[in-house]
Amino acid sequence: MEKQGILMHKPPRVVRRSGPKTPPCVMLVEDDPDIGFLLKRWLENMGFHSLLATSTKEALELVQDVSYIESKLDGLLVDYQLPDATGCRVIQEFVSEFPGVPVAMMTAYDDITLEGWVRSRRIQLFRKPLDMTRLEAWLLSLPLPA
């Protein structure tokens, strides 16, 4: 399950999350369609619902739509490098609409400024190729919906 060395170190183990009738919902923002599809499928195999956006614009529209219908999201996993802005813009809007909801960023870039930005906001950072064991642990730590 690897796309040009960016996706994962090893095939993910499928873990079905048991719990409430309504599974947690994670918003996924990834502009690479192959990686986005694989991550969305993996999340669903783990027992999560997921919403996939492929750009900052699409992600911000989804955040507004979910907020407007008074629904909620249980987590955000966003790529740093998106075609129309960075994932930082998505995170800023997301935490404004959904304060306290866990957020994580993925990146293939080694940037000390980005590292400082995520650390100062207590955002989990995942380097590509993704370590699926670490990502799985983060996902399973998300609070279950009430």
C-alpha atoms as a PDB file:
ATOM      1  CA  MET A   1       0.000   0.000   0.000  1.00  0.00           C
ATOM      2  CA  GLU A   2       2.532   2.553  -1.043  1.00  0.00           C
ATOM      3  CA  LYS A   3       2.336   5.299  -3.617  1.00  0.00           C
ATOM      4  CA  GLN A   4       5.750   6.436  -4.745  1.00  0.00           C
ATOM      5  CA  GLY A   5       7.195   6.126  -1.260  1.00  0.00           C
ATOM      6  CA  ILE A   6       4.953   8.734   0.337  1.00  0.00           C
ATOM      7  CA  LEU A   7       2.157   6.804   1.970  1.00  0.00           C
ATOM      8  CA  MET A   8       3.191   4.256   4.518  1.00  0.00           C
ATOM      9  CA  HIS A   9       6.026   2.299   6.002  1.00  0.00           C
ATOM     10  CA  LYS A  10       4.041  -0.911   6.333  1.00  0.00           C
ATOM     11  CA  PRO A  11       0.562  -2.162   5.485  1.00  0.00           C
ATOM     12  CA  PRO A  12      -1.937  -1.040   8.099  1.00  0.00           C
ATOM     13  CA  ARG A  13      -3.524  -3.460  10.468  1.00  0.00           C
ATOM     14  CA  VAL A  14      -7.301  -3.239  10.315  1.00  0.00           C
ATOM     15  CA  VAL A  15      -8.762  -2.448  13.723  1.00  0.00           C
ATOM     16  CA  ARG A  16     -12.482  -2.090  14.026  1.00  0.00           C
ATOM     17  CA  ARG A  17     -13.337   0.417  16.671  1.00  0.00           C
ATOM     18  CA  SER A  18     -16.179  -0.738  18.856  1.00  0.00           C
ATOM     19  CA  GLY A  19     -18.313   1.581  20.876  1.00  0.00           C
ATOM     20  CA  PRO A  20     -21.260   3.822  20.193  1.00  0.00           C
ATOM     21  CA  LYS A  21     -23.740   3.340  17.387  1.00  0.00           C
ATOM     22  CA  THR A  22     -22.431   6.469  15.702  1.00  0.00           C
ATOM     23  CA  PRO A  23     -18.786   6.008  14.703  1.00  0.00           C
ATOM     24  CA  PRO A  24     -16.346   8.897  15.055  1.00  0.00           C
ATOM     25  CA  CYS A  25     -16.121  11.158  12.002  1.00  0.00           C
ATOM     26  CA  VAL A  26     -12.724  12.354  10.802  1.00  0.00           C
ATOM     27  CA  MET A  27     -12.247  15.065   8.212  1.00  0.00           C
ATOM     28  CA  LEU A  28      -9.394  14.151   5.870  1.00  0.00           C
ATOM     29  CA  VAL A  29      -7.761  16.772   3.643  1.00  0.00           C
ATOM     30  CA  GLU A  30      -5.369  15.360   1.024  1.00  0.00           C
ATOM     31  CA  ASP A  31      -4.874  16.654  -2.515  1.00  0.00           C
ATOM     32  CA  ASP A  32      -3.330  13.452  -3.907  1.00  0.00           C
ATOM     33  CA  PRO A  33      -6.361  11.401  -5.014  1.00  0.00           C
ATOM     34  CA  ASP A  34      -4.629   8.046  -4.555  1.00  0.00           C
ATOM     35  CA  ILE A  35      -3.431   8.790  -1.034  1.00  0.00           C
ATOM     36  CA  GLY A  36      -6.786  10.354  -0.135  1.00  0.00           C
ATOM     37  CA  PHE A  37      -8.673   7.292  -1.365  1.00  0.00           C
ATOM     38  CA  LEU A  38      -6.370   4.868   0.473  1.00  0.00           C
ATOM     39  CA  LEU A  39      -6.570   6.804   3.746  1.00  0.00           C
ATOM     40  CA  LYS A  40     -10.367   7.176   3.488  1.00  0.00           C
ATOM     41  CA  ARG A  41     -10.736   3.444   2.854  1.00  0.00           C
ATOM     42  CA  TRP A  42      -8.386   2.628   5.737  1.00  0.00           C
ATOM     43  CA  LEU A  43     -10.346   4.900   8.102  1.00  0.00           C
ATOM     44  CA  GLU A  44     -13.592   3.200   7.096  1.00  0.00           C
ATOM     45  CA  ASN A  45     -12.030  -0.235   7.669  1.00  0.00           C
ATOM     46  CA  MET A  46     -11.097   0.951  11.164  1.00  0.00           C
ATOM     47  CA  GLY A  47     -14.738   1.841  11.828  1.00  0.00           C
ATOM     48  CA  PHE A  48     -14.591   5.615  11.280  1.00  0.00           C
ATOM     49  CA  HIS A  49     -16.745   7.804   9.096  1.00  0.00           C
ATOM     50  CA  SER A  50     -14.680  10.208   7.042  1.00  0.00           C
ATOM     51  CA  LEU A  51     -15.154  13.279   4.899  1.00  0.00           C
ATOM     52  CA  LEU A  52     -12.522  13.829   2.205  1.00  0.00           C
ATOM     53  CA  ALA A  53     -11.575  17.234   0.820  1.00  0.00           C
ATOM     54  CA  THR A  54      -8.919  17.668  -1.857  1.00  0.00           C
ATOM     55  CA  SER A  55      -8.167  21.386  -1.482  1.00  0.00           C
ATOM     56  CA  THR A  56      -8.190  24.150   1.101  1.00  0.00           C
ATOM     57  CA  LYS A  57     -11.267  25.690  -0.539  1.00  0.00           C
ATOM     58  CA  GLU A  58     -13.175  22.408  -0.428  1.00  0.00           C
ATOM     59  CA  ALA A  59     -12.095  21.775   3.181  1.00  0.00           C
ATOM     60  CA  LEU A  60     -13.218  25.223   4.339  1.00  0.00           C
ATOM     61  CA  GLU A  61     -16.584  24.726   2.636  1.00  0.00           C
ATOM     62  CA  LEU A  62     -16.983  21.352   4.392  1.00  0.00           C
ATOM     63  CA  VAL A  63     -16.137  22.914   7.769  1.00  0.00           C
ATOM     64  CA  GLN A  64     -18.774  25.600   7.208  1.00  0.00           C
ATOM     65  CA  ASP A  65     -21.364  23.059   5.989  1.00  0.00           C
ATOM     66  CA  VAL A  66     -20.861  20.740   8.966  1.00  0.00           C
ATOM     67  CA  SER A  67     -21.040  23.702  11.349  1.00  0.00           C
ATOM     68  CA  TYR A  68     -24.146  25.095   9.621  1.00  0.00           C
ATOM     69  CA  ILE A  69     -26.107  21.862  10.024  1.00  0.00           C
ATOM     70  CA  GLU A  70     -24.962  21.769  13.660  1.00  0.00           C
ATOM     71  CA  SER A  71     -23.205  18.476  13.194  1.00  0.00           C
ATOM     72  CA  LYS A  72     -19.777  17.698  14.561  1.00  0.00           C
ATOM     73  CA  LEU A  73     -16.455  16.235  13.606  1.00  0.00           C
ATOM     74  CA  ASP A  74     -14.296  14.160  15.927  1.00  0.00           C
ATOM     75  CA  GLY A  75     -10.911  14.820  14.325  1.00  0.00           C
ATOM     76  CA  LEU A  76      -9.031  16.460  11.469  1.00  0.00           C
ATOM     77  CA  LEU A  77      -6.155  14.940   9.491  1.00  0.00           C
ATOM     78  CA  VAL A  78      -4.794  17.444   6.976  1.00  0.00           C
ATOM     79  CA  ASP A  79      -1.898  17.497   4.536  1.00  0.00           C
ATOM     80  CA  TYR A  80       0.390  20.512   4.816  1.00  0.00           C
ATOM     81  CA  GLN A  81       0.955  21.174   1.115  1.00  0.00           C
ATOM     82  CA  LEU A  82      -2.339  21.740  -0.679  1.00  0.00           C
ATOM     83  CA  PRO A  83      -2.812  23.281  -4.136  1.00  0.00           C
ATOM     84  CA  ASP A  84      -4.464  26.514  -3.018  1.00  0.00           C
ATOM     85  CA  ALA A  85      -2.923  27.137   0.450  1.00  0.00           C
ATOM     86  CA  THR A  86      -1.312  25.210   3.274  1.00  0.00           C
ATOM     87  CA  GLY A  87      -3.084  22.937   5.699  1.00  0.00           C
ATOM     88  CA  CYS A  88      -2.430  25.586   8.374  1.00  0.00           C
ATOM     89  CA  ARG A  89      -5.303  27.637   6.927  1.00  0.00           C
ATOM     90  CA  VAL A  90      -7.636  24.639   7.221  1.00  0.00           C
ATOM     91  CA  ILE A  91      -6.541  24.033  10.819  1.00  0.00           C
ATOM     92  CA  GLN A  92      -7.159  27.668  11.795  1.00  0.00           C
ATOM     93  CA  GLU A  93     -10.723  27.576  10.470  1.00  0.00           C
ATOM     94  CA  PHE A  94     -11.378  24.095  11.850  1.00  0.00           C
ATOM     95  CA  VAL A  95     -10.328  24.930  15.423  1.00  0.00           C
ATOM     96  CA  SER A  96     -12.381  28.116  15.254  1.00  0.00           C
ATOM     97  CA  GLU A  97     -15.520  26.116  14.412  1.00  0.00           C
ATOM     98  CA  PHE A  98     -14.712  22.984  16.435  1.00  0.00           C
ATOM     99  CA  PRO A  99     -12.630  24.045  19.451  1.00  0.00           C
ATOM    100  CA  GLY A 100     -11.066  21.206  21.401  1.00  0.00           C
ATOM    101  CA  VAL A 101     -11.375  18.654  18.589  1.00  0.00           C
ATOM    102  CA  PRO A 102      -8.057  16.843  17.950  1.00  0.00           C
ATOM    103  CA  VAL A 103      -6.090  17.904  14.876  1.00  0.00           C
ATOM    104  CA  ALA A 104      -3.148  16.296  13.086  1.00  0.00           C
ATOM    105  CA  MET A 105      -1.057  17.327  10.096  1.00  0.00           C
ATOM    106  CA  MET A 106       0.768  15.195   7.520  1.00  0.00           C
ATOM    107  CA  THR A 107       3.768  16.411   5.564  1.00  0.00           C
ATOM    108  CA  ALA A 108       6.641  15.231   3.428  1.00  0.00           C
ATOM    109  CA  TYR A 109       8.495  18.490   4.128  1.00  0.00           C
ATOM    110  CA  ASP A 110      11.186  18.960   6.742  1.00  0.00           C
ATOM    111  CA  ASP A 111      10.534  22.522   7.864  1.00  0.00           C
ATOM    112  CA  ILE A 112      11.551  23.849  11.269  1.00  0.00           C
ATOM    113  CA  THR A 113       9.045  26.724  11.026  1.00  0.00           C
ATOM    114  CA  LEU A 114       6.205  24.247  10.477  1.00  0.00           C
ATOM    115  CA  GLU A 115       7.442  22.119  13.379  1.00  0.00           C
ATOM    116  CA  GLY A 116       7.386  25.176  15.654  1.00  0.00           C
ATOM    117  CA  TRP A 117       3.910  26.129  14.434  1.00  0.00           C
ATOM    118  CA  VAL A 118       2.396  22.697  15.162  1.00  0.00           C
ATOM    119  CA  ARG A 119       4.198  22.328  18.507  1.00  0.00           C
ATOM    120  CA  SER A 120       2.977  25.718  19.723  1.00  0.00           C
ATOM    121  CA  ARG A 121      -0.598  24.609  18.978  1.00  0.00           C
ATOM    122  CA  ARG A 122      -0.174  21.037  20.277  1.00  0.00           C
ATOM    123  CA  ILE A 123      -0.959  19.575  16.873  1.00  0.00           C
ATOM    124  CA  GLN A 124       0.210  16.051  16.099  1.00  0.00           C
ATOM    125  CA  LEU A 125       2.612  15.971  13.129  1.00  0.00           C
ATOM    126  CA  PHE A 126       2.975  12.884  10.919  1.00  0.00           C
ATOM    127  CA  ARG A 127       5.834  12.682   8.446  1.00  0.00           C
ATOM    128  CA  LYS A 128       5.394  11.038   5.066  1.00  0.00           C
ATOM    129  CA  PRO A 129       5.875   8.214   4.471  1.00  0.00           C
ATOM    130  CA  LEU A 130       3.259   7.785   7.157  1.00  0.00           C
ATOM    131  CA  ASP A 131       3.943   5.545  10.116  1.00  0.00           C
ATOM    132  CA  MET A 132       0.573   3.822  10.185  1.00  0.00           C
ATOM    133  CA  THR A 133       1.099   2.472  13.711  1.00  0.00           C
ATOM    134  CA  ARG A 134       1.500   6.029  15.062  1.00  0.00           C
ATOM    135  CA  LEU A 135      -1.433   7.265  12.971  1.00  0.00           C
ATOM    136  CA  GLU A 136      -3.587   4.398  14.193  1.00  0.00           C
ATOM    137  CA  ALA A 137      -2.692   5.189  17.823  1.00  0.00           C
ATOM    138  CA  TRP A 138      -3.674   8.846  17.303  1.00  0.00           C
ATOM    139  CA  LEU A 139      -6.985   7.880  15.701  1.00  0.00           C
ATOM    140  CA  LEU A 140      -7.824   5.412  18.459  1.00  0.00           C
ATOM    141  CA  SER A 141      -7.139   8.124  21.041  1.00  0.00           C
ATOM    142  CA  LEU A 142      -9.892  10.333  19.605  1.00  0.00           C
ATOM    143  CA  PRO A 143     -12.816  10.723  21.984  1.00  0.00           C
ATOM    144  CA  LEU A 144     -15.813   8.610  21.075  1.00  0.00           C
ATOM    145  CA  PRO A 145     -18.979  10.520  20.094  1.00  0.00           C
ATOM    146  CA  ALA A 146     -21.490  10.969  22.889  1.00  0.00           C
END
